[in-house]
C-alpha atoms as a PDB file:
ATOM      1  CA  UNK A   1      61.625-195.738 -16.534  1.00  0.00           C
ATOM      2  CA  UNK A   2      57.871-196.122 -16.944  1.00  0.00           C
ATOM      3  CA  UNK A   3      57.528-192.987 -19.069  1.00  0.00           C
ATOM      4  CA  UNK A   4      59.932-194.126 -21.829  1.00  0.00           C
ATOM      5  CA  UNK A   5      58.212-197.511 -21.949  1.00  0.00           C
ATOM      6  CA  UNK A   6      54.777-195.888 -22.137  1.00  0.00           C
ATOM      7  CA  UNK A   7      56.002-193.528 -24.851  1.00  0.00           C
ATOM      8  CA  UNK A   8      57.419-196.447 -26.842  1.00  0.00           C
ATOM      9  CA  UNK A   9      54.166-198.385 -26.419  1.00  0.00           C
ATOM     10  CA  UNK A  10      52.132-195.367 -27.520  1.00  0.00           C
ATOM     11  CA  UNK A  11      54.353-194.924 -30.573  1.00  0.00           C
ATOM     12  CA  UNK A  12      54.083-198.576 -31.546  1.00  0.00           C
ATOM     13  CA  UNK A  13      50.301-198.516 -31.145  1.00  0.00           C
ATOM     14  CA  UNK A  14      50.116-195.350 -33.261  1.00  0.00           C
ATOM     15  CA  UNK A  15      52.245-196.990 -35.959  1.00  0.00           C
ATOM     16  CA  UNK A  16      50.238-200.222 -36.046  1.00  0.00           C
ATOM     17  CA  UNK A  17      47.441-198.819 -38.244  1.00  0.00           C
ATOM     18  CA  UNK A  18      50.076-197.814 -40.787  1.00  0.00           C
ATOM     19  CA  UNK A  19      51.355-201.350 -41.069  1.00  0.00           C
ATOM     20  CA  UNK A  20      47.925-202.904 -40.881  1.00  0.00           C
ATOM     21  CA  UNK A  21      46.497-200.789 -43.679  1.00  0.00           C
ATOM     22  CA  UNK A  22      49.498-201.038 -45.996  1.00  0.00           C
ATOM     23  CA  UNK A  23      48.983-204.754 -46.473  1.00  0.00           C
ATOM     24  CA  UNK A  24      46.617-204.012 -49.347  1.00  0.00           C
ATOM     25  CA  UNK A  25      48.171-205.073 -52.606  1.00  0.00           C
ATOM     26  CA  UNK A  26      48.353-202.846 -55.644  1.00  0.00           C
ATOM     27  CA  UNK A  27      49.468-203.284 -59.218  1.00  0.00           C
ATOM     28  CA  UNK A  28      52.414-201.281 -60.464  1.00  0.00           C
ATOM     29  CA  UNK A  29      53.983-201.126 -63.880  1.00  0.00           C
ATOM     30  CA  UNK A  30      57.705-200.409 -63.824  1.00  0.00           C
ATOM     31  CA  UNK A  31      60.116-199.443 -66.562  1.00  0.00           C
ATOM     32  CA  UNK A  32      63.149-201.707 -66.779  1.00  0.00           C
ATOM     33  CA  UNK A  33      65.779-201.572 -69.493  1.00  0.00           C
ATOM     34  CA  UNK A  34      66.743-205.236 -69.861  1.00  0.00           C
ATOM     35  CA  UNK A  35      69.918-204.254 -71.746  1.00  0.00           C
ATOM     36  CA  UNK A  36      71.066-202.333 -68.666  1.00  0.00           C
ATOM     37  CA  UNK A  37      70.697-205.475 -66.569  1.00  0.00           C
ATOM     38  CA  UNK A  38      73.462-207.199 -68.510  1.00  0.00           C
ATOM     39  CA  UNK A  39      76.113-205.432 -66.414  1.00  0.00           C
ATOM     40  CA  UNK A  40      76.439-204.966 -62.657  1.00  0.00           C
ATOM     41  CA  UNK A  41      76.692-201.184 -63.054  1.00  0.00           C
ATOM     42  CA  UNK A  42      73.600-201.116 -65.245  1.00  0.00           C
ATOM     43  CA  UNK A  43      71.697-203.245 -62.749  1.00  0.00           C
ATOM     44  CA  UNK A  44      72.655-200.819 -59.972  1.00  0.00           C
ATOM     45  CA  UNK A  45      71.334-197.920 -62.066  1.00  0.00           C
ATOM     46  CA  UNK A  46      68.111-199.793 -62.803  1.00  0.00           C
ATOM     47  CA  UNK A  47      67.732-200.608 -59.100  1.00  0.00           C
ATOM     48  CA  UNK A  48      68.110-196.912 -58.216  1.00  0.00           C
ATOM     49  CA  UNK A  49      65.491-196.025 -60.812  1.00  0.00           C
ATOM     50  CA  UNK A  50      63.193-198.784 -59.577  1.00  0.00           C
ATOM     51  CA  UNK A  51      63.611-197.588 -55.977  1.00  0.00           C
ATOM     52  CA  UNK A  52      62.574-194.084 -57.028  1.00  0.00           C
ATOM     53  CA  UNK A  53      59.475-195.361 -58.844  1.00  0.00           C
ATOM     54  CA  UNK A  54      58.519-197.490 -55.846  1.00  0.00           C
ATOM     55  CA  UNK A  55      59.087-194.594 -53.456  1.00  0.00           C
ATOM     56  CA  UNK A  56      56.823-192.283 -55.463  1.00  0.00           C
ATOM     57  CA  UNK A  57      54.077-194.903 -55.663  1.00  0.00           C
ATOM     58  CA  UNK A  58      54.287-195.741 -51.964  1.00  0.00           C
ATOM     59  CA  UNK A  59      53.893-192.084 -51.056  1.00  0.00           C
ATOM     60  CA  UNK A  60      50.683-191.996 -53.085  1.00  0.00           C
ATOM     61  CA  UNK A  61      49.463-195.268 -51.567  1.00  0.00           C
ATOM     62  CA  UNK A  62      50.045-194.085 -47.984  1.00  0.00           C
ATOM     63  CA  UNK A  63      49.296-190.360 -48.179  1.00  0.00           C
ATOM     64  CA  UNK A  64      46.133-190.669 -46.050  1.00  0.00           C
ATOM     65  CA  UNK A  65      48.227-191.536 -42.982  1.00  0.00           C
ATOM     66  CA  UNK A  66      49.548-188.230 -41.646  1.00  0.00           C
ATOM     67  CA  UNK A  67      51.150-189.314 -38.354  1.00  0.00           C
ATOM     68  CA  UNK A  68      52.360-192.748 -39.368  1.00  0.00           C
ATOM     69  CA  UNK A  69      53.114-191.974 -43.015  1.00  0.00           C
ATOM     70  CA  UNK A  70      56.936-192.302 -42.758  1.00  0.00           C
ATOM     71  CA  UNK A  71      56.587-195.793 -41.290  1.00  0.00           C
ATOM     72  CA  UNK A  72      53.933-196.786 -43.806  1.00  0.00           C
ATOM     73  CA  UNK A  73      56.047-195.538 -46.727  1.00  0.00           C
ATOM     74  CA  UNK A  74      59.113-197.415 -45.504  1.00  0.00           C
ATOM     75  CA  UNK A  75      57.120-200.619 -45.035  1.00  0.00           C
ATOM     76  CA  UNK A  76      55.513-200.222 -48.475  1.00  0.00           C
ATOM     77  CA  UNK A  77      58.880-199.528 -50.137  1.00  0.00           C
ATOM     78  CA  UNK A  78      60.570-202.576 -48.655  1.00  0.00           C
ATOM     79  CA  UNK A  79      57.716-204.909 -49.523  1.00  0.00           C
ATOM     80  CA  UNK A  80      57.153-203.519 -53.020  1.00  0.00           C
ATOM     81  CA  UNK A  81      60.836-203.349 -53.986  1.00  0.00           C
ATOM     82  CA  UNK A  82      61.393-206.931 -52.844  1.00  0.00           C
ATOM     83  CA  UNK A  83      58.366-208.053 -54.840  1.00  0.00           C
ATOM     84  CA  UNK A  84      59.479-206.151 -57.955  1.00  0.00           C
ATOM     85  CA  UNK A  85      63.021-207.540 -57.844  1.00  0.00           C
ATOM     86  CA  UNK A  86      61.622-211.058 -57.405  1.00  0.00           C
ATOM     87  CA  UNK A  87      59.212-210.582 -60.307  1.00  0.00           C
ATOM     88  CA  UNK A  88      61.918-209.239 -62.637  1.00  0.00           C
ATOM     89  CA  UNK A  89      64.147-212.158 -61.594  1.00  0.00           C
ATOM     90  CA  UNK A  90      67.428-210.984 -63.112  1.00  0.00           C
ATOM     91  CA  UNK A  91      70.650-212.224 -61.456  1.00  0.00           C
ATOM     92  CA  UNK A  92      72.438-208.856 -61.686  1.00  0.00           C
ATOM     93  CA  UNK A  93      69.433-206.964 -60.321  1.00  0.00           C
ATOM     94  CA  UNK A  94      69.042-209.471 -57.478  1.00  0.00           C
ATOM     95  CA  UNK A  95      72.747-209.103 -56.651  1.00  0.00           C
ATOM     96  CA  UNK A  96      72.471-205.292 -56.660  1.00  0.00           C
ATOM     97  CA  UNK A  97      69.390-205.521 -54.430  1.00  0.00           C
ATOM     98  CA  UNK A  98      71.090-207.855 -51.960  1.00  0.00           C
ATOM     99  CA  UNK A  99      74.208-205.677 -51.867  1.00  0.00           C
ATOM    100  CA  UNK A 100      72.167-202.545 -51.161  1.00  0.00           C
ATOM    101  CA  UNK A 101      72.241-201.756 -47.424  1.00  0.00           C
ATOM    102  CA  UNK A 102      68.982-199.782 -47.529  1.00  0.00           C
ATOM    103  CA  UNK A 103      66.826-202.717 -48.551  1.00  0.00           C
END
């Protein structure tokens, strides 16, 4: 019982630097086709495109973290995608974001 707890503690301590260092903010320009946002289907396509752009940028932003990179990328993606959707502030895009289970 002690070994699994110690392993979990070691993993969480190893992952902490990833979360601590990914709090730095960065600027990101995204390409959004506002005409696509007029329909639910178009908003879903734009969200998928936005997710891909965010993913690529987060990989670049966290590439220095070899062990904890997957956790850092996931944290960066969630934070950045939420921020981008809020900044774009389109009802269809927000609905697509909220309906997406991987947010």
